[in-house]
Amino acid sequence: MKHDSVSSGKRKAVNLSLDTGVVAAARAAGLNLSQICEAALRDASRKERERAWREENREWAESVNKWVAENGLPLAEYRRF
């Protein structure tokens, strides 16, 4: 099982406003709204953390890529692949 840094293991009741047609279709299909909403929020949170990290570290990544383009990979002569 993959570690989820967001999960606390606890549950909290919340109110959501969802389109009635979407809710009816999900219930008709036997889907668990809580599980689906939680999974979607977990995924959206992960994507936002990744986007923020890329933005915060953009200059560093660009400088590393520039250095490698100019100098090659460090220890490249020892690579066997």
PDB file of N, CA and C in Angstrom:
ATOM      1  N   MET A   1       0.835  -1.185   0.000  1.00  0.00           N
ATOM      2  CA  MET A   1       0.000   0.000   0.000  1.00  0.00           C
ATOM      3  C   MET A   1       0.878   1.247   0.000  1.00  0.00           C
ATOM      4  N   LYS A   2       0.579   2.184  -0.829  1.00  0.00           N
ATOM      5  CA  LYS A   2       1.342   3.416  -0.954  1.00  0.00           C
ATOM      6  C   LYS A   2       0.998   4.366   0.188  1.00  0.00           C
ATOM      7  N   HIS A   3       2.022   5.001   0.754  1.00  0.00           N
ATOM      8  CA  HIS A   3       1.811   5.964   1.838  1.00  0.00           C
ATOM      9  C   HIS A   3       1.143   7.219   1.289  1.00  0.00           C
ATOM     10  N   ASP A   4       0.123   7.674   1.989  1.00  0.00           N
ATOM     11  CA  ASP A   4      -0.596   8.882   1.584  1.00  0.00           C
ATOM     12  C   ASP A   4      -0.329   9.955   2.623  1.00  0.00           C
ATOM     13  N   SER A   5       0.489  10.953   2.274  1.00  0.00           N
ATOM     14  CA  SER A   5       0.871  11.985   3.230  1.00  0.00           C
ATOM     15  C   SER A   5      -0.283  12.914   3.596  1.00  0.00           C
ATOM     16  N   VAL A   6      -1.394  12.841   2.894  1.00  0.00           N
ATOM     17  CA  VAL A   6      -2.532  13.711   3.160  1.00  0.00           C
ATOM     18  C   VAL A   6      -3.484  13.086   4.164  1.00  0.00           C
ATOM     19  N   SER A   7      -3.642  11.786   4.131  1.00  0.00           N
ATOM     20  CA  SER A   7      -4.630  11.099   4.965  1.00  0.00           C
ATOM     21  C   SER A   7      -4.280  11.169   6.439  1.00  0.00           C
ATOM     22  N   SER A   8      -5.308  11.414   7.247  1.00  0.00           N
ATOM     23  CA  SER A   8      -5.145  11.419   8.698  1.00  0.00           C
ATOM     24  C   SER A   8      -5.717  10.153   9.311  1.00  0.00           C
ATOM     25  N   GLY A   9      -6.539   9.435   8.568  1.00  0.00           N
ATOM     26  CA  GLY A   9      -7.205   8.255   9.094  1.00  0.00           C
ATOM     27  C   GLY A   9      -8.500   8.581   9.811  1.00  0.00           C
ATOM     28  N   LYS A  10      -8.771   9.855   9.997  1.00  0.00           N
ATOM     29  CA  LYS A  10      -9.991  10.290  10.676  1.00  0.00           C
ATOM     30  C   LYS A  10     -10.996  10.766   9.639  1.00  0.00           C
ATOM     31  N   ARG A  11     -12.235  10.836  10.021  1.00  0.00           N
ATOM     32  CA  ARG A  11     -13.298  11.305   9.122  1.00  0.00           C
ATOM     33  C   ARG A  11     -13.956  12.534   9.705  1.00  0.00           C
ATOM     34  N   LYS A  12     -14.398  13.447   8.849  1.00  0.00           N
ATOM     35  CA  LYS A  12     -15.110  14.652   9.251  1.00  0.00           C
ATOM     36  C   LYS A  12     -16.300  14.823   8.326  1.00  0.00           C
ATOM     37  N   ALA A  13     -17.466  15.013   8.899  1.00  0.00           N
ATOM     38  CA  ALA A  13     -18.666  15.260   8.104  1.00  0.00           C
ATOM     39  C   ALA A  13     -18.591  16.685   7.555  1.00  0.00           C
ATOM     40  N   VAL A  14     -18.877  16.823   6.267  1.00  0.00           N
ATOM     41  CA  VAL A  14     -18.887  18.135   5.616  1.00  0.00           C
ATOM     42  C   VAL A  14     -20.130  18.247   4.748  1.00  0.00           C
ATOM     43  N   ASN A  15     -20.480  19.459   4.400  1.00  0.00           N
ATOM     44  CA  ASN A  15     -21.598  19.693   3.488  1.00  0.00           C
ATOM     45  C   ASN A  15     -21.043  20.058   2.128  1.00  0.00           C
ATOM     46  N   LEU A  16     -21.559  19.431   1.099  1.00  0.00           N
ATOM     47  CA  LEU A  16     -21.177  19.735  -0.274  1.00  0.00           C
ATOM     48  C   LEU A  16     -22.421  20.061  -1.066  1.00  0.00           C
ATOM     49  N   SER A  17     -22.286  20.958  -2.010  1.00  0.00           N
ATOM     50  CA  SER A  17     -23.375  21.234  -2.941  1.00  0.00           C
ATOM     51  C   SER A  17     -22.992  20.623  -4.277  1.00  0.00           C
ATOM     52  N   LEU A  18     -23.754  19.630  -4.690  1.00  0.00           N
ATOM     53  CA  LEU A  18     -23.483  18.930  -5.934  1.00  0.00           C
ATOM     54  C   LEU A  18     -24.713  18.993  -6.822  1.00  0.00           C
ATOM     55  N   ASP A  19     -24.472  18.962  -8.103  1.00  0.00           N
ATOM     56  CA  ASP A  19     -25.564  18.951  -9.069  1.00  0.00           C
ATOM     57  C   ASP A  19     -26.452  17.741  -8.801  1.00  0.00           C
ATOM     58  N   THR A  20     -27.758  17.964  -8.737  1.00  0.00           N
ATOM     59  CA  THR A  20     -28.685  16.884  -8.400  1.00  0.00           C
ATOM     60  C   THR A  20     -28.665  15.759  -9.439  1.00  0.00           C
ATOM     61  N   GLY A  21     -28.464  16.094 -10.690  1.00  0.00           N
ATOM     62  CA  GLY A  21     -28.387  15.069 -11.726  1.00  0.00           C
ATOM     63  C   GLY A  21     -27.170  14.187 -11.551  1.00  0.00           C
ATOM     64  N   VAL A  22     -26.057  14.790 -11.160  1.00  0.00           N
ATOM     65  CA  VAL A  22     -24.824  14.026 -10.933  1.00  0.00           C
ATOM     66  C   VAL A  22     -25.016  13.090  -9.745  1.00  0.00           C
ATOM     67  N   VAL A  23     -25.623  13.607  -8.677  1.00  0.00           N
ATOM     68  CA  VAL A  23     -25.860  12.786  -7.486  1.00  0.00           C
ATOM     69  C   VAL A  23     -26.794  11.621  -7.824  1.00  0.00           C
ATOM     70  N   ALA A  24     -27.862  11.890  -8.552  1.00  0.00           N
ATOM     71  CA  ALA A  24     -28.818  10.842  -8.911  1.00  0.00           C
ATOM     72  C   ALA A  24     -28.147   9.768  -9.769  1.00  0.00           C
ATOM     73  N   ALA A  25     -27.336  10.185 -10.725  1.00  0.00           N
ATOM     74  CA  ALA A  25     -26.650   9.223 -11.590  1.00  0.00           C
ATOM     75  C   ALA A  25     -25.662   8.386 -10.796  1.00  0.00           C
ATOM     76  N   ALA A  26     -24.939   9.003  -9.874  1.00  0.00           N
ATOM     77  CA  ALA A  26     -23.966   8.275  -9.063  1.00  0.00           C
ATOM     78  C   ALA A  26     -24.669   7.266  -8.166  1.00  0.00           C
ATOM     79  N   ARG A  27     -25.751   7.687  -7.548  1.00  0.00           N
ATOM     80  CA  ARG A  27     -26.495   6.775  -6.676  1.00  0.00           C
ATOM     81  C   ARG A  27     -27.109   5.630  -7.478  1.00  0.00           C
ATOM     82  N   ALA A  28     -27.631   5.944  -8.662  1.00  0.00           N
ATOM     83  CA  ALA A  28     -28.224   4.903  -9.511  1.00  0.00           C
ATOM     84  C   ALA A  28     -27.172   3.872  -9.919  1.00  0.00           C
ATOM     85  N   ALA A  29     -25.927   4.335 -10.038  1.00  0.00           N
ATOM     86  CA  ALA A  29     -24.842   3.428 -10.410  1.00  0.00           C
ATOM     87  C   ALA A  29     -24.250   2.726  -9.192  1.00  0.00           C
ATOM     88  N   GLY A  30     -24.748   3.064  -8.003  1.00  0.00           N
ATOM     89  CA  GLY A  30     -24.251   2.420  -6.792  1.00  0.00           C
ATOM     90  C   GLY A  30     -22.900   2.934  -6.335  1.00  0.00           C
ATOM     91  N   LEU A  31     -22.569   4.152  -6.721  1.00  0.00           N
ATOM     92  CA  LEU A  31     -21.269   4.720  -6.369  1.00  0.00           C
ATOM     93  C   LEU A  31     -21.302   5.341  -4.977  1.00  0.00           C
ATOM     94  N   ASN A  32     -20.186   5.299  -4.299  1.00  0.00           N
ATOM     95  CA  ASN A  32     -20.046   5.886  -2.971  1.00  0.00           C
ATOM     96  C   ASN A  32     -19.554   7.325  -3.140  1.00  0.00           C
ATOM     97  N   LEU A  33     -20.442   8.287  -2.899  1.00  0.00           N
ATOM     98  CA  LEU A  33     -20.100   9.701  -3.103  1.00  0.00           C
ATOM     99  C   LEU A  33     -18.929  10.138  -2.232  1.00  0.00           C
ATOM    100  N   SER A  34     -18.911   9.720  -0.980  1.00  0.00           N
ATOM    101  CA  SER A  34     -17.836  10.133  -0.069  1.00  0.00           C
ATOM    102  C   SER A  34     -16.477   9.647  -0.563  1.00  0.00           C
ATOM    103  N   GLN A  35     -16.397   8.380  -0.949  1.00  0.00           N
ATOM    104  CA  GLN A  35     -15.124   7.837  -1.419  1.00  0.00           C
ATOM    105  C   GLN A  35     -14.665   8.528  -2.697  1.00  0.00           C
ATOM    106  N   ILE A  36     -15.590   8.779  -3.603  1.00  0.00           N
ATOM    107  CA  ILE A  36     -15.235   9.406  -4.871  1.00  0.00           C
ATOM    108  C   ILE A  36     -14.800  10.853  -4.660  1.00  0.00           C
ATOM    109  N   CYS A  37     -15.525  11.587  -3.828  1.00  0.00           N
ATOM    110  CA  CYS A  37     -15.142  12.976  -3.539  1.00  0.00           C
ATOM    111  C   CYS A  37     -13.780  13.025  -2.857  1.00  0.00           C
ATOM    112  N   GLU A  38     -13.563  12.129  -1.897  1.00  0.00           N
ATOM    113  CA  GLU A  38     -12.278  12.100  -1.194  1.00  0.00           C
ATOM    114  C   GLU A  38     -11.133  11.792  -2.156  1.00  0.00           C
ATOM    115  N   ALA A  39     -11.333  10.824  -3.031  1.00  0.00           N
ATOM    116  CA  ALA A  39     -10.287  10.479  -4.004  1.00  0.00           C
ATOM    117  C   ALA A  39     -10.015  11.646  -4.947  1.00  0.00           C
ATOM    118  N   ALA A  40     -11.070  12.323  -5.386  1.00  0.00           N
ATOM    119  CA  ALA A  40     -10.885  13.467  -6.290  1.00  0.00           C
ATOM    120  C   ALA A  40     -10.158  14.609  -5.586  1.00  0.00           C
ATOM    121  N   LEU A  41     -10.496  14.870  -4.323  1.00  0.00           N
ATOM    122  CA  LEU A  41      -9.824  15.926  -3.570  1.00  0.00           C
ATOM    123  C   LEU A  41      -8.369  15.560  -3.287  1.00  0.00           C
ATOM    124  N   ARG A  42      -8.119  14.280  -2.998  1.00  0.00           N
ATOM    125  CA  ARG A  42      -6.740  13.831  -2.783  1.00  0.00           C
ATOM    126  C   ARG A  42      -5.915  14.046  -4.050  1.00  0.00           C
ATOM    127  N   ASP A  43      -6.480  13.676  -5.192  1.00  0.00           N
ATOM    128  CA  ASP A  43      -5.790  13.826  -6.472  1.00  0.00           C
ATOM    129  C   ASP A  43      -5.553  15.304  -6.798  1.00  0.00           C
ATOM    130  N   ALA A  44      -6.569  16.137  -6.600  1.00  0.00           N
ATOM    131  CA  ALA A  44      -6.429  17.573  -6.877  1.00  0.00           C
ATOM    132  C   ALA A  44      -5.393  18.199  -5.954  1.00  0.00           C
ATOM    133  N   SER A  45      -5.370  17.783  -4.688  1.00  0.00           N
ATOM    134  CA  SER A  45      -4.389  18.309  -3.736  1.00  0.00           C
ATOM    135  C   SER A  45      -2.973  17.924  -4.150  1.00  0.00           C
ATOM    136  N   ARG A  46      -2.798  16.654  -4.547  1.00  0.00           N
ATOM    137  CA  ARG A  46      -1.484  16.183  -4.993  1.00  0.00           C
ATOM    138  C   ARG A  46      -1.002  16.960  -6.208  1.00  0.00           C
ATOM    139  N   LYS A  47      -1.898  17.146  -7.175  1.00  0.00           N
ATOM    140  CA  LYS A  47      -1.531  17.882  -8.387  1.00  0.00           C
ATOM    141  C   LYS A  47      -1.154  19.326  -8.066  1.00  0.00           C
ATOM    142  N   GLU A  48      -1.867  19.951  -7.149  1.00  0.00           N
ATOM    143  CA  GLU A  48      -1.552  21.334  -6.783  1.00  0.00           C
ATOM    144  C   GLU A  48      -0.213  21.417  -6.051  1.00  0.00           C
ATOM    145  N   ARG A  49       0.065  20.455  -5.161  1.00  0.00           N
ATOM    146  CA  ARG A  49       1.372  20.441  -4.481  1.00  0.00           C
ATOM    147  C   ARG A  49       2.496  20.281  -5.496  1.00  0.00           C
ATOM    148  N   GLU A  50       2.303  19.398  -6.485  1.00  0.00           N
ATOM    149  CA  GLU A  50       3.317  19.192  -7.517  1.00  0.00           C
ATOM    150  C   GLU A  50       3.504  20.445  -8.363  1.00  0.00           C
ATOM    151  N   ARG A  51       2.394  21.102  -8.740  1.00  0.00           N
ATOM    152  CA  ARG A  51       2.485  22.327  -9.527  1.00  0.00           C
ATOM    153  C   ARG A  51       3.239  23.409  -8.756  1.00  0.00           C
ATOM    154  N   ALA A  52       2.892  23.558  -7.466  1.00  0.00           N
ATOM    155  CA  ALA A  52       3.539  24.570  -6.634  1.00  0.00           C
ATOM    156  C   ALA A  52       5.034  24.276  -6.487  1.00  0.00           C
ATOM    157  N   TRP A  53       5.391  22.987  -6.301  1.00  0.00           N
ATOM    158  CA  TRP A  53       6.800  22.623  -6.173  1.00  0.00           C
ATOM    159  C   TRP A  53       7.567  22.971  -7.447  1.00  0.00           C
ATOM    160  N   ARG A  54       6.974  22.619  -8.604  1.00  0.00           N
ATOM    161  CA  ARG A  54       7.639  22.928  -9.874  1.00  0.00           C
ATOM    162  C   ARG A  54       7.853  24.423 -10.025  1.00  0.00           C
ATOM    163  N   GLU A  55       6.863  25.217  -9.659  1.00  0.00           N
ATOM    164  CA  GLU A  55       6.986  26.672  -9.780  1.00  0.00           C
ATOM    165  C   GLU A  55       8.035  27.206  -8.811  1.00  0.00           C
ATOM    166  N   GLU A  56       8.015  26.732  -7.567  1.00  0.00           N
ATOM    167  CA  GLU A  56       8.969  27.192  -6.559  1.00  0.00           C
ATOM    168  C   GLU A  56      10.401  26.806  -6.907  1.00  0.00           C
ATOM    169  N   ASN A  57      10.571  25.711  -7.630  1.00  0.00           N
ATOM    170  CA  ASN A  57      11.906  25.206  -7.947  1.00  0.00           C
ATOM    171  C   ASN A  57      12.283  25.366  -9.420  1.00  0.00           C
ATOM    172  N   ARG A  58      11.489  26.132 -10.148  1.00  0.00           N
ATOM    173  CA  ARG A  58      11.709  26.309 -11.588  1.00  0.00           C
ATOM    174  C   ARG A  58      13.104  26.848 -11.889  1.00  0.00           C
ATOM    175  N   GLU A  59      13.522  27.921 -11.209  1.00  0.00           N
ATOM    176  CA  GLU A  59      14.830  28.522 -11.491  1.00  0.00           C
ATOM    177  C   GLU A  59      15.959  27.545 -11.221  1.00  0.00           C
ATOM    178  N   TRP A  60      15.864  26.796 -10.128  1.00  0.00           N
ATOM    179  CA  TRP A  60      16.889  25.809  -9.801  1.00  0.00           C
ATOM    180  C   TRP A  60      16.968  24.752 -10.901  1.00  0.00           C
ATOM    181  N   ALA A  61      15.800  24.209 -11.318  1.00  0.00           N
ATOM    182  CA  ALA A  61      15.778  23.167 -12.349  1.00  0.00           C
ATOM    183  C   ALA A  61      16.355  23.684 -13.662  1.00  0.00           C
ATOM    184  N   GLU A  62      16.006  24.908 -14.014  1.00  0.00           N
ATOM    185  CA  GLU A  62      16.543  25.494 -15.248  1.00  0.00           C
ATOM    186  C   GLU A  62      18.053  25.649 -15.169  1.00  0.00           C
ATOM    187  N   SER A  63      18.563  26.051 -14.002  1.00  0.00           N
ATOM    188  CA  SER A  63      20.011  26.223 -13.872  1.00  0.00           C
ATOM    189  C   SER A  63      20.737  24.884 -13.947  1.00  0.00           C
ATOM    190  N   VAL A  64      20.153  23.842 -13.359  1.00  0.00           N
ATOM    191  CA  VAL A  64      20.761  22.509 -13.435  1.00  0.00           C
ATOM    192  C   VAL A  64      20.747  22.024 -14.880  1.00  0.00           C
ATOM    193  N   ASN A  65      19.616  22.178 -15.558  1.00  0.00           N
ATOM    194  CA  ASN A  65      19.523  21.754 -16.962  1.00  0.00           C
ATOM    195  C   ASN A  65      20.520  22.510 -17.832  1.00  0.00           C
ATOM    196  N   LYS A  66      20.694  23.788 -17.577  1.00  0.00           N
ATOM    197  CA  LYS A  66      21.658  24.596 -18.348  1.00  0.00           C
ATOM    198  C   LYS A  66      23.070  24.093 -18.098  1.00  0.00           C
ATOM    199  N   TRP A  67      23.387  23.822 -16.827  1.00  0.00           N
ATOM    200  CA  TRP A  67      24.728  23.340 -16.499  1.00  0.00           C
ATOM    201  C   TRP A  67      24.996  22.015 -17.193  1.00  0.00           C
ATOM    202  N   VAL A  68      24.037  21.083 -17.162  1.00  0.00           N
ATOM    203  CA  VAL A  68      24.210  19.778 -17.800  1.00  0.00           C
ATOM    204  C   VAL A  68      24.360  19.942 -19.317  1.00  0.00           C
ATOM    205  N   ALA A  69      23.581  20.849 -19.904  1.00  0.00           N
ATOM    206  CA  ALA A  69      23.682  21.074 -21.349  1.00  0.00           C
ATOM    207  C   ALA A  69      25.070  21.592 -21.721  1.00  0.00           C
ATOM    208  N   GLU A  70      25.637  22.409 -20.864  1.00  0.00           N
ATOM    209  CA  GLU A  70      26.955  22.992 -21.156  1.00  0.00           C
ATOM    210  C   GLU A  70      28.106  22.057 -20.791  1.00  0.00           C
ATOM    211  N   ASN A  71      27.938  21.239 -19.743  1.00  0.00           N
ATOM    212  CA  ASN A  71      29.038  20.450 -19.203  1.00  0.00           C
ATOM    213  C   ASN A  71      28.863  18.938 -19.324  1.00  0.00           C
ATOM    214  N   GLY A  72      27.666  18.496 -19.665  1.00  0.00           N
ATOM    215  CA  GLY A  72      27.399  17.070 -19.718  1.00  0.00           C
ATOM    216  C   GLY A  72      27.062  16.531 -18.339  1.00  0.00           C
ATOM    217  N   LEU A  73      26.654  15.280 -18.302  1.00  0.00           N
ATOM    218  CA  LEU A  73      26.294  14.659 -17.035  1.00  0.00           C
ATOM    219  C   LEU A  73      27.543  14.386 -16.204  1.00  0.00           C
ATOM    220  N   PRO A  74      27.485  14.692 -14.911  1.00  0.00           N
ATOM    221  CA  PRO A  74      28.625  14.373 -14.052  1.00  0.00           C
ATOM    222  C   PRO A  74      28.853  12.854 -14.044  1.00  0.00           C
ATOM    223  N   LEU A  75      30.083  12.447 -14.078  1.00  0.00           N
ATOM    224  CA  LEU A  75      30.473  11.028 -14.040  1.00  0.00           C
ATOM    225  C   LEU A  75      29.936  10.224 -15.214  1.00  0.00           C
ATOM    226  N   ALA A  76      29.588  10.878 -16.314  1.00  0.00           N
ATOM    227  CA  ALA A  76      29.037  10.194 -17.483  1.00  0.00           C
ATOM    228  C   ALA A  76      29.997   9.141 -18.017  1.00  0.00           C
ATOM    229  N   GLU A  77      31.270   9.360 -17.863  1.00  0.00           N
ATOM    230  CA  GLU A  77      32.255   8.406 -18.377  1.00  0.00           C
ATOM    231  C   GLU A  77      32.192   7.056 -17.665  1.00  0.00           C
ATOM    232  N   TYR A  78      31.585   7.027 -16.495  1.00  0.00           N
ATOM    233  CA  TYR A  78      31.508   5.787 -15.727  1.00  0.00           C
ATOM    234  C   TYR A  78      30.167   5.058 -15.910  1.00  0.00           C
ATOM    235  N   ARG A  79      29.263   5.647 -16.661  1.00  0.00           N
ATOM    236  CA  ARG A  79      27.965   5.017 -16.874  1.00  0.00           C
ATOM    237  C   ARG A  79      28.117   3.801 -17.779  1.00  0.00           C
ATOM    238  N   ARG A  80      27.347   2.757 -17.487  1.00  0.00           N
ATOM    239  CA  ARG A  80      27.424   1.527 -18.270  1.00  0.00           C
ATOM    240  C   ARG A  80      26.168   1.328 -19.116  1.00  0.00           C
ATOM    241  N   PHE A  81      25.329   2.350 -19.216  1.00  0.00           N
ATOM    242  CA  PHE A  81      24.105   2.229 -20.002  1.00  0.00           C
ATOM    243  C   PHE A  81      23.939   3.410 -20.914  1.00  0.00           C
TER     244      PHE A  81
END
